[in-house]
Amino acid sequence: MGRDKRRLGQLKFIASMFQMVMKELDNVMGPESIRTIFRLIGERQGEAIEKRMKDKFNVDNWTPEILADKLIQDVFNPALGEGQAEIKVSDDEMIISLGVCPFQRAGIDTSDKFYCTYTEGLIETVAQKALGNVSFKSDELISEGKSCCTFDLKLT
């Protein structure tokens, strides 16, 4: 039990430091620079996730259905919890709904939407790497008071 308590204390310290760093970055660099950085981090993660899933699941050619299944199984369920993500696939469109924000779950204020650009970059890049040309649109965001984040991907 002492080990768990120590670990929790360490995580709280890290979260506190992260929040202070973000505040100072906002003061020094401004919100647009921070959004750009988070977007780039999301894009790099998206590239790595697509490659990892392709190797892990031995996928030669992605289809929207296979990508949706693997994203739920290998990315969203572990990060958000079982049943917190849904992907609807129809013809040339994928609608991704996330019922929880991992940043809010960690106690981070998302009202300035710095962190949304990470998720947007990750999802768009995974889809582009797997399916080729896609158009991407954020329809709803939890950070804007919506009940879930909804992203619309269209194959072009």
C-alpha atoms as a PDB file:
ATOM      1  CA  MET A   1       0.000   0.000   0.000  1.00  0.00           C
ATOM      2  CA  GLY A   2       2.886   2.395   0.757  1.00  0.00           C
ATOM      3  CA  ARG A   3       4.215   1.871  -2.752  1.00  0.00           C
ATOM      4  CA  ASP A   4       0.875   2.834  -4.331  1.00  0.00           C
ATOM      5  CA  LYS A   5       0.640   5.937  -2.148  1.00  0.00           C
ATOM      6  CA  ARG A   6       4.164   6.971  -3.117  1.00  0.00           C
ATOM      7  CA  ARG A   7       3.366   6.428  -6.812  1.00  0.00           C
ATOM      8  CA  LEU A   8       0.201   8.527  -6.514  1.00  0.00           C
ATOM      9  CA  GLY A   9       2.222  11.311  -4.917  1.00  0.00           C
ATOM     10  CA  GLN A  10       4.718  11.161  -7.764  1.00  0.00           C
ATOM     11  CA  LEU A  11       1.959  11.351 -10.360  1.00  0.00           C
ATOM     12  CA  LYS A  12       0.341  14.311  -8.600  1.00  0.00           C
ATOM     13  CA  PHE A  13       3.692  16.100  -8.565  1.00  0.00           C
ATOM     14  CA  ILE A  14       4.205  15.452 -12.276  1.00  0.00           C
ATOM     15  CA  ALA A  15       0.673  16.664 -13.070  1.00  0.00           C
ATOM     16  CA  SER A  16       1.219  19.797 -10.992  1.00  0.00           C
ATOM     17  CA  MET A  17       4.516  20.541 -12.732  1.00  0.00           C
ATOM     18  CA  PHE A  18       2.919  19.923 -16.130  1.00  0.00           C
ATOM     19  CA  GLN A  19       0.171  22.433 -15.377  1.00  0.00           C
ATOM     20  CA  MET A  20       2.719  25.037 -14.263  1.00  0.00           C
ATOM     21  CA  VAL A  21       4.807  24.459 -17.396  1.00  0.00           C
ATOM     22  CA  MET A  22       1.745  24.839 -19.598  1.00  0.00           C
ATOM     23  CA  LYS A  23       0.823  28.112 -17.892  1.00  0.00           C
ATOM     24  CA  GLU A  24       4.312  29.515 -18.427  1.00  0.00           C
ATOM     25  CA  LEU A  25       4.444  28.311 -22.033  1.00  0.00           C
ATOM     26  CA  ASP A  26       1.141  30.071 -22.619  1.00  0.00           C
ATOM     27  CA  ASN A  27       2.538  33.270 -21.088  1.00  0.00           C
ATOM     28  CA  VAL A  28       5.776  33.124 -23.098  1.00  0.00           C
ATOM     29  CA  MET A  29       4.752  31.570 -26.422  1.00  0.00           C
ATOM     30  CA  GLY A  30       1.025  32.148 -26.607  1.00  0.00           C
ATOM     31  CA  PRO A  31      -1.831  29.746 -27.241  1.00  0.00           C
ATOM     32  CA  GLU A  32      -1.323  29.324 -30.995  1.00  0.00           C
ATOM     33  CA  SER A  33       2.244  28.097 -30.552  1.00  0.00           C
ATOM     34  CA  ILE A  34       1.141  25.623 -27.903  1.00  0.00           C
ATOM     35  CA  ARG A  35      -1.686  24.348 -30.108  1.00  0.00           C
ATOM     36  CA  THR A  36       0.800  23.877 -32.945  1.00  0.00           C
ATOM     37  CA  ILE A  37       3.170  21.926 -30.707  1.00  0.00           C
ATOM     38  CA  PHE A  38       0.381  19.656 -29.463  1.00  0.00           C
ATOM     39  CA  ARG A  39      -0.840  19.163 -33.033  1.00  0.00           C
ATOM     40  CA  LEU A  40       2.662  18.119 -34.142  1.00  0.00           C
ATOM     41  CA  ILE A  41       2.989  15.725 -31.203  1.00  0.00           C
ATOM     42  CA  GLY A  42      -0.382  14.203 -32.133  1.00  0.00           C
ATOM     43  CA  GLU A  43       0.717  13.809 -35.744  1.00  0.00           C
ATOM     44  CA  ARG A  44       3.913  12.000 -34.702  1.00  0.00           C
ATOM     45  CA  GLN A  45       1.908   9.722 -32.444  1.00  0.00           C
ATOM     46  CA  GLY A  46      -0.562   9.090 -35.274  1.00  0.00           C
ATOM     47  CA  GLU A  47       2.273   7.987 -37.560  1.00  0.00           C
ATOM     48  CA  ALA A  48       3.671   5.679 -34.890  1.00  0.00           C
ATOM     49  CA  ILE A  49       0.258   4.226 -34.043  1.00  0.00           C
ATOM     50  CA  GLU A  50      -0.557   3.412 -37.672  1.00  0.00           C
ATOM     51  CA  LYS A  51       2.799   1.689 -38.126  1.00  0.00           C
ATOM     52  CA  ARG A  52       2.500  -0.209 -34.838  1.00  0.00           C
ATOM     53  CA  MET A  53      -1.040  -1.418 -35.598  1.00  0.00           C
ATOM     54  CA  LYS A  54      -0.121  -2.389 -39.161  1.00  0.00           C
ATOM     55  CA  ASP A  55       2.720  -4.565 -37.844  1.00  0.00           C
ATOM     56  CA  LYS A  56       0.874  -5.873 -34.789  1.00  0.00           C
ATOM     57  CA  PHE A  57      -2.259  -6.917 -36.682  1.00  0.00           C
ATOM     58  CA  ASN A  58      -0.447  -7.875 -39.908  1.00  0.00           C
ATOM     59  CA  VAL A  59      -2.514  -5.508 -42.061  1.00  0.00           C
ATOM     60  CA  ASP A  60      -1.523  -5.304 -45.728  1.00  0.00           C
ATOM     61  CA  ASN A  61      -4.306  -2.976 -46.855  1.00  0.00           C
ATOM     62  CA  TRP A  62      -6.378  -0.883 -44.511  1.00  0.00           C
ATOM     63  CA  THR A  63     -10.104  -0.517 -44.991  1.00  0.00           C
ATOM     64  CA  PRO A  64     -12.183   1.946 -42.981  1.00  0.00           C
ATOM     65  CA  GLU A  65     -13.796  -1.000 -41.169  1.00  0.00           C
ATOM     66  CA  ILE A  66     -10.484  -2.611 -40.194  1.00  0.00           C
ATOM     67  CA  LEU A  67      -9.039   0.737 -39.121  1.00  0.00           C
ATOM     68  CA  ALA A  68     -12.109   1.503 -37.002  1.00  0.00           C
ATOM     69  CA  ASP A  69     -11.938  -1.886 -35.283  1.00  0.00           C
ATOM     70  CA  LYS A  70      -8.213  -1.635 -34.529  1.00  0.00           C
ATOM     71  CA  LEU A  71      -8.420   1.981 -33.332  1.00  0.00           C
ATOM     72  CA  ILE A  72     -11.122   1.034 -30.839  1.00  0.00           C
ATOM     73  CA  GLN A  73      -9.318  -2.113 -29.711  1.00  0.00           C
ATOM     74  CA  ASP A  74      -5.720  -0.889 -29.606  1.00  0.00           C
ATOM     75  CA  VAL A  75      -5.885   2.876 -29.041  1.00  0.00           C
ATOM     76  CA  PHE A  76      -9.155   4.200 -27.659  1.00  0.00           C
ATOM     77  CA  ASN A  77     -10.223   1.434 -25.248  1.00  0.00           C
ATOM     78  CA  PRO A  78      -6.846   1.323 -23.470  1.00  0.00           C
ATOM     79  CA  ALA A  79      -6.626   5.132 -23.266  1.00  0.00           C
ATOM     80  CA  LEU A  80     -10.245   6.033 -22.522  1.00  0.00           C
ATOM     81  CA  GLY A  81     -11.796   2.911 -21.050  1.00  0.00           C
ATOM     82  CA  GLU A  82     -14.008   0.243 -22.538  1.00  0.00           C
ATOM     83  CA  GLY A  83     -17.046   1.636 -24.337  1.00  0.00           C
ATOM     84  CA  GLN A  84     -15.901   5.272 -24.329  1.00  0.00           C
ATOM     85  CA  ALA A  85     -15.270   5.381 -28.080  1.00  0.00           C
ATOM     86  CA  GLU A  86     -17.430   4.576 -31.069  1.00  0.00           C
ATOM     87  CA  ILE A  87     -16.652   4.690 -34.776  1.00  0.00           C
ATOM     88  CA  LYS A  88     -19.418   4.582 -37.377  1.00  0.00           C
ATOM     89  CA  VAL A  89     -18.316   3.678 -40.885  1.00  0.00           C
ATOM     90  CA  SER A  90     -20.472   4.254 -43.964  1.00  0.00           C
ATOM     91  CA  ASP A  91     -19.400   4.396 -47.596  1.00  0.00           C
ATOM     92  CA  ASP A  92     -16.723   7.100 -47.672  1.00  0.00           C
ATOM     93  CA  GLU A  93     -17.117   8.439 -44.133  1.00  0.00           C
ATOM     94  CA  MET A  94     -15.979   7.595 -40.606  1.00  0.00           C
ATOM     95  CA  ILE A  95     -17.507   9.355 -37.611  1.00  0.00           C
ATOM     96  CA  ILE A  96     -15.457   8.967 -34.439  1.00  0.00           C
ATOM     97  CA  SER A  97     -17.101   9.743 -31.089  1.00  0.00           C
ATOM     98  CA  LEU A  98     -15.096   9.877 -27.876  1.00  0.00           C
ATOM     99  CA  GLY A  99     -17.180   9.973 -24.700  1.00  0.00           C
ATOM    100  CA  VAL A 100     -14.414  11.094 -22.377  1.00  0.00           C
ATOM    101  CA  CYS A 101     -11.421  13.420 -22.602  1.00  0.00           C
ATOM    102  CA  PRO A 102      -8.211  11.814 -21.299  1.00  0.00           C
ATOM    103  CA  PHE A 103      -6.847  15.234 -20.359  1.00  0.00           C
ATOM    104  CA  GLN A 104      -9.938  16.098 -18.299  1.00  0.00           C
ATOM    105  CA  ARG A 105      -9.749  12.674 -16.638  1.00  0.00           C
ATOM    106  CA  ALA A 106      -6.242  13.663 -15.544  1.00  0.00           C
ATOM    107  CA  GLY A 107      -7.635  16.829 -13.955  1.00  0.00           C
ATOM    108  CA  ILE A 108      -6.366  19.195 -16.653  1.00  0.00           C
ATOM    109  CA  ASP A 109      -8.400  22.248 -17.646  1.00  0.00           C
ATOM    110  CA  THR A 110      -9.133  21.922 -21.367  1.00  0.00           C
ATOM    111  CA  SER A 111     -11.099  25.131 -21.836  1.00  0.00           C
ATOM    112  CA  ASP A 112      -8.285  26.716 -23.862  1.00  0.00           C
ATOM    113  CA  LYS A 113      -8.312  23.707 -26.230  1.00  0.00           C
ATOM    114  CA  PHE A 114      -4.516  23.242 -26.303  1.00  0.00           C
ATOM    115  CA  TYR A 115      -4.968  19.522 -25.874  1.00  0.00           C
ATOM    116  CA  CYS A 116      -7.685  19.035 -28.488  1.00  0.00           C
ATOM    117  CA  THR A 117      -5.143  19.644 -31.233  1.00  0.00           C
ATOM    118  CA  TYR A 118      -3.182  16.605 -30.019  1.00  0.00           C
ATOM    119  CA  THR A 119      -6.209  14.340 -30.490  1.00  0.00           C
ATOM    120  CA  GLU A 120      -7.085  15.957 -33.814  1.00  0.00           C
ATOM    121  CA  GLY A 121      -3.545  15.502 -35.126  1.00  0.00           C
ATOM    122  CA  LEU A 122      -3.400  11.898 -33.957  1.00  0.00           C
ATOM    123  CA  ILE A 123      -6.731  10.872 -35.511  1.00  0.00           C
ATOM    124  CA  GLU A 124      -6.227  12.706 -38.803  1.00  0.00           C
ATOM    125  CA  THR A 125      -2.694  11.354 -39.264  1.00  0.00           C
ATOM    126  CA  VAL A 126      -3.626   7.746 -38.444  1.00  0.00           C
ATOM    127  CA  ALA A 127      -6.431   7.970 -41.010  1.00  0.00           C
ATOM    128  CA  GLN A 128      -4.228   9.578 -43.667  1.00  0.00           C
ATOM    129  CA  LYS A 129      -1.432   7.037 -43.207  1.00  0.00           C
ATOM    130  CA  ALA A 130      -3.880   4.132 -43.305  1.00  0.00           C
ATOM    131  CA  LEU A 131      -6.412   5.260 -45.899  1.00  0.00           C
ATOM    132  CA  GLY A 132      -4.705   7.936 -47.992  1.00  0.00           C
ATOM    133  CA  ASN A 133      -6.405  11.242 -48.658  1.00  0.00           C
ATOM    134  CA  VAL A 134      -9.019  12.102 -46.069  1.00  0.00           C
ATOM    135  CA  SER A 135     -10.669  15.335 -45.085  1.00  0.00           C
ATOM    136  CA  PHE A 136     -10.937  15.874 -41.349  1.00  0.00           C
ATOM    137  CA  LYS A 137     -13.313  17.986 -39.306  1.00  0.00           C
ATOM    138  CA  SER A 138     -13.880  18.331 -35.568  1.00  0.00           C
ATOM    139  CA  ASP A 139     -17.646  18.512 -35.184  1.00  0.00           C
ATOM    140  CA  GLU A 140     -18.000  18.659 -31.397  1.00  0.00           C
ATOM    141  CA  LEU A 141     -15.539  18.947 -28.520  1.00  0.00           C
ATOM    142  CA  ILE A 142     -15.950  18.188 -24.838  1.00  0.00           C
ATOM    143  CA  SER A 143     -13.802  21.267 -24.164  1.00  0.00           C
ATOM    144  CA  GLU A 144     -16.620  23.341 -25.703  1.00  0.00           C
ATOM    145  CA  GLY A 145     -19.187  21.857 -23.336  1.00  0.00           C
ATOM    146  CA  LYS A 146     -20.417  19.069 -25.619  1.00  0.00           C
ATOM    147  CA  SER A 147     -21.117  15.605 -24.203  1.00  0.00           C
ATOM    148  CA  CYS A 148     -18.517  13.966 -26.446  1.00  0.00           C
ATOM    149  CA  CYS A 149     -15.846  14.754 -29.009  1.00  0.00           C
ATOM    150  CA  THR A 150     -16.972  13.958 -32.539  1.00  0.00           C
ATOM    151  CA  PHE A 151     -14.646  13.874 -35.527  1.00  0.00           C
ATOM    152  CA  ASP A 152     -15.747  13.431 -39.138  1.00  0.00           C
ATOM    153  CA  LEU A 153     -13.375  11.814 -41.638  1.00  0.00           C
ATOM    154  CA  LYS A 154     -14.253  11.637 -45.324  1.00  0.00           C
ATOM    155  CA  LEU A 155     -12.275   9.655 -47.856  1.00  0.00           C
ATOM    156  CA  THR A 156     -11.417  11.913 -50.782  1.00  0.00           C
END
